[in-house]
Every structure is written in structure tokens, then in C-alpha cells.
Amino acid sequence: MALNKNNQEAITREEVKKEKKKTREKKKRIRVRLIPIWLRIIIVLVLLAASIVLGAMFGYAVMGGGKAMDVFEKSTWTHIIDLVNGE
């Protein structure tokens, strides 16, 4: 009897595991991405570029005391490079 009882418990455990697996498979949702990964990468790169440009404008105008649009001039960057290199 004890052997038969253990065998029945093993069978019921396997059945329970199978049922749980079936319910997990039913519960799996198909994930639909609203924004594809390639578009996310492009958005991140655009936001990164915009933050660099706006940060340079803010730093030059507010902290440096210049005009914000002067940050786009070549002479400004050559002057900054000269200051960094110590020339």
C-alpha cells in the first residue's frame, strides 16, 4: 500500500506541474512594442545631440557671459582649444 500511495503522489505531483506549466503558457502575453528598438535608438541619439548643443549654449551664455549663438562660431572653438592646450 505504501508503495502504491507514493506512486499515486508522484503521479499527482507530475499532473500538478503539467497543469501549472499550461497555465503559465496561457498567461504569457505577446508583447507588442509601441516604439520599435531601432526608433528608440534614434530617439536617444537625437536627445543626446540636443542636450549637448543646449548644454554648450547654456554654458557659454549663462556661465561664460557670452551670446548663446556665438557657441556655433568656429572662432569660439579655436579659442577654447587654445585655452585648453595652453597656447
C-alpha atoms as a PDB file:
ATOM      1  CA  MET A   1       0.000   0.000   0.000  1.00  0.00           C
ATOM      2  CA  ALA A   2       2.795   2.418   0.885  1.00  0.00           C
ATOM      3  CA  LEU A   3       4.459   1.912  -2.471  1.00  0.00           C
ATOM      4  CA  ASN A   4       1.179   2.427  -4.303  1.00  0.00           C
ATOM      5  CA  LYS A   5       0.472   5.572  -2.287  1.00  0.00           C
ATOM      6  CA  ASN A   6       3.903   7.040  -3.120  1.00  0.00           C
ATOM      7  CA  ASN A   7       3.354   6.210  -6.766  1.00  0.00           C
ATOM      8  CA  GLN A   8      -0.007   7.999  -6.733  1.00  0.00           C
ATOM      9  CA  GLU A   9       1.556  11.047  -5.041  1.00  0.00           C
ATOM     10  CA  ALA A  10       4.280  11.135  -7.691  1.00  0.00           C
ATOM     11  CA  ILE A  11       1.682  10.979 -10.454  1.00  0.00           C
ATOM     12  CA  THR A  12      -0.403  13.729  -8.911  1.00  0.00           C
ATOM     13  CA  ARG A  13       2.696  15.908  -8.457  1.00  0.00           C
ATOM     14  CA  GLU A  14       3.550  15.476 -12.120  1.00  0.00           C
ATOM     15  CA  GLU A  15      -0.007  16.328 -13.093  1.00  0.00           C
ATOM     16  CA  VAL A  16       0.068  19.431 -10.934  1.00  0.00           C
ATOM     17  CA  LYS A  17       3.355  20.515 -12.541  1.00  0.00           C
ATOM     18  CA  LYS A  18       1.891  19.971 -16.014  1.00  0.00           C
ATOM     19  CA  GLU A  19      -1.206  21.999 -15.138  1.00  0.00           C
ATOM     20  CA  LYS A  20       0.918  24.831 -13.743  1.00  0.00           C
ATOM     21  CA  LYS A  21       3.018  24.832 -16.887  1.00  0.00           C
ATOM     22  CA  LYS A  22      -0.106  25.007 -19.051  1.00  0.00           C
ATOM     23  CA  THR A  23      -1.487  27.919 -17.057  1.00  0.00           C
ATOM     24  CA  ARG A  24       1.868  29.736 -17.318  1.00  0.00           C
ATOM     25  CA  GLU A  25       1.845  29.226 -21.065  1.00  0.00           C
ATOM     26  CA  LYS A  26      -1.683  30.602 -21.244  1.00  0.00           C
ATOM     27  CA  LYS A  27      -0.738  33.609 -19.112  1.00  0.00           C
ATOM     28  CA  LYS A  28       2.208  34.567 -21.328  1.00  0.00           C
ATOM     29  CA  ARG A  29       1.353  37.763 -23.106  1.00  0.00           C
ATOM     30  CA  ILE A  30       2.508  38.599 -26.540  1.00  0.00           C
ATOM     31  CA  ARG A  31       4.402  41.854 -26.154  1.00  0.00           C
ATOM     32  CA  VAL A  32       3.641  44.416 -28.797  1.00  0.00           C
ATOM     33  CA  ARG A  33       6.157  47.220 -28.781  1.00  0.00           C
ATOM     34  CA  LEU A  34       4.685  50.608 -29.486  1.00  0.00           C
ATOM     35  CA  ILE A  35       8.090  52.030 -30.342  1.00  0.00           C
ATOM     36  CA  PRO A  36      10.478  49.675 -32.165  1.00  0.00           C
ATOM     37  CA  ILE A  37      14.004  49.272 -30.854  1.00  0.00           C
ATOM     38  CA  TRP A  38      15.627  50.958 -33.865  1.00  0.00           C
ATOM     39  CA  LEU A  39      13.416  54.009 -33.365  1.00  0.00           C
ATOM     40  CA  ARG A  40      14.283  54.086 -29.653  1.00  0.00           C
ATOM     41  CA  ILE A  41      17.983  54.182 -30.529  1.00  0.00           C
ATOM     42  CA  ILE A  42      17.435  57.063 -32.956  1.00  0.00           C
ATOM     43  CA  ILE A  43      15.380  58.963 -30.368  1.00  0.00           C
ATOM     44  CA  VAL A  44      18.109  58.521 -27.744  1.00  0.00           C
ATOM     45  CA  LEU A  45      20.799  59.722 -30.166  1.00  0.00           C
ATOM     46  CA  VAL A  46      18.741  62.783 -31.136  1.00  0.00           C
ATOM     47  CA  LEU A  47      18.084  63.640 -27.491  1.00  0.00           C
ATOM     48  CA  LEU A  48      21.780  63.197 -26.702  1.00  0.00           C
ATOM     49  CA  ALA A  49      22.800  65.553 -29.519  1.00  0.00           C
ATOM     50  CA  ALA A  50      20.189  68.112 -28.464  1.00  0.00           C
ATOM     51  CA  SER A  51      21.350  68.001 -24.849  1.00  0.00           C
ATOM     52  CA  ILE A  52      24.979  68.547 -25.909  1.00  0.00           C
ATOM     53  CA  VAL A  53      24.051  71.543 -28.067  1.00  0.00           C
ATOM     54  CA  LEU A  54      21.763  73.085 -25.452  1.00  0.00           C
ATOM     55  CA  GLY A  55      24.311  72.448 -22.720  1.00  0.00           C
ATOM     56  CA  ALA A  56      27.028  74.204 -24.715  1.00  0.00           C
ATOM     57  CA  MET A  57      24.706  77.152 -25.387  1.00  0.00           C
ATOM     58  CA  PHE A  58      23.723  77.379 -21.731  1.00  0.00           C
ATOM     59  CA  GLY A  59      27.293  77.113 -20.515  1.00  0.00           C
ATOM     60  CA  TYR A  60      28.611  79.710 -22.921  1.00  0.00           C
ATOM     61  CA  ALA A  61      25.763  82.192 -22.466  1.00  0.00           C
ATOM     62  CA  VAL A  62      24.886  81.919 -18.775  1.00  0.00           C
ATOM     63  CA  MET A  63      28.122  80.807 -17.184  1.00  0.00           C
ATOM     64  CA  GLY A  64      30.522  82.354 -19.690  1.00  0.00           C
ATOM     65  CA  GLY A  65      28.713  85.641 -20.169  1.00  0.00           C
ATOM     66  CA  GLY A  66      28.637  85.456 -23.983  1.00  0.00           C
ATOM     67  CA  LYS A  67      25.853  85.243 -26.504  1.00  0.00           C
ATOM     68  CA  ALA A  68      24.227  81.825 -26.838  1.00  0.00           C
ATOM     69  CA  MET A  69      24.524  81.714 -30.628  1.00  0.00           C
ATOM     70  CA  ASP A  70      28.251  82.503 -30.531  1.00  0.00           C
ATOM     71  CA  VAL A  71      28.853  78.917 -29.444  1.00  0.00           C
ATOM     72  CA  PHE A  72      28.369  77.840 -33.071  1.00  0.00           C
ATOM     73  CA  GLU A  73      31.173  80.018 -34.435  1.00  0.00           C
ATOM     74  CA  LYS A  74      34.484  78.415 -35.365  1.00  0.00           C
ATOM     75  CA  SER A  75      36.498  81.177 -33.680  1.00  0.00           C
ATOM     76  CA  THR A  76      34.896  80.349 -30.328  1.00  0.00           C
ATOM     77  CA  TRP A  77      36.004  76.723 -30.508  1.00  0.00           C
ATOM     78  CA  THR A  78      39.507  77.567 -31.699  1.00  0.00           C
ATOM     79  CA  HIS A  79      39.820  79.936 -28.732  1.00  0.00           C
ATOM     80  CA  ILE A  80      38.603  77.207 -26.337  1.00  0.00           C
ATOM     81  CA  ILE A  81      41.044  74.689 -27.822  1.00  0.00           C
ATOM     82  CA  ASP A  82      43.872  77.217 -27.491  1.00  0.00           C
ATOM     83  CA  LEU A  83      42.978  77.746 -23.815  1.00  0.00           C
ATOM     84  CA  VAL A  84      42.935  74.009 -23.150  1.00  0.00           C
ATOM     85  CA  ASN A  85      46.253  73.391 -24.922  1.00  0.00           C
ATOM     86  CA  GLY A  86      47.861  76.375 -23.176  1.00  0.00           C
ATOM     87  CA  GLU A  87      48.902  78.213 -26.332  1.00  0.00           C
END
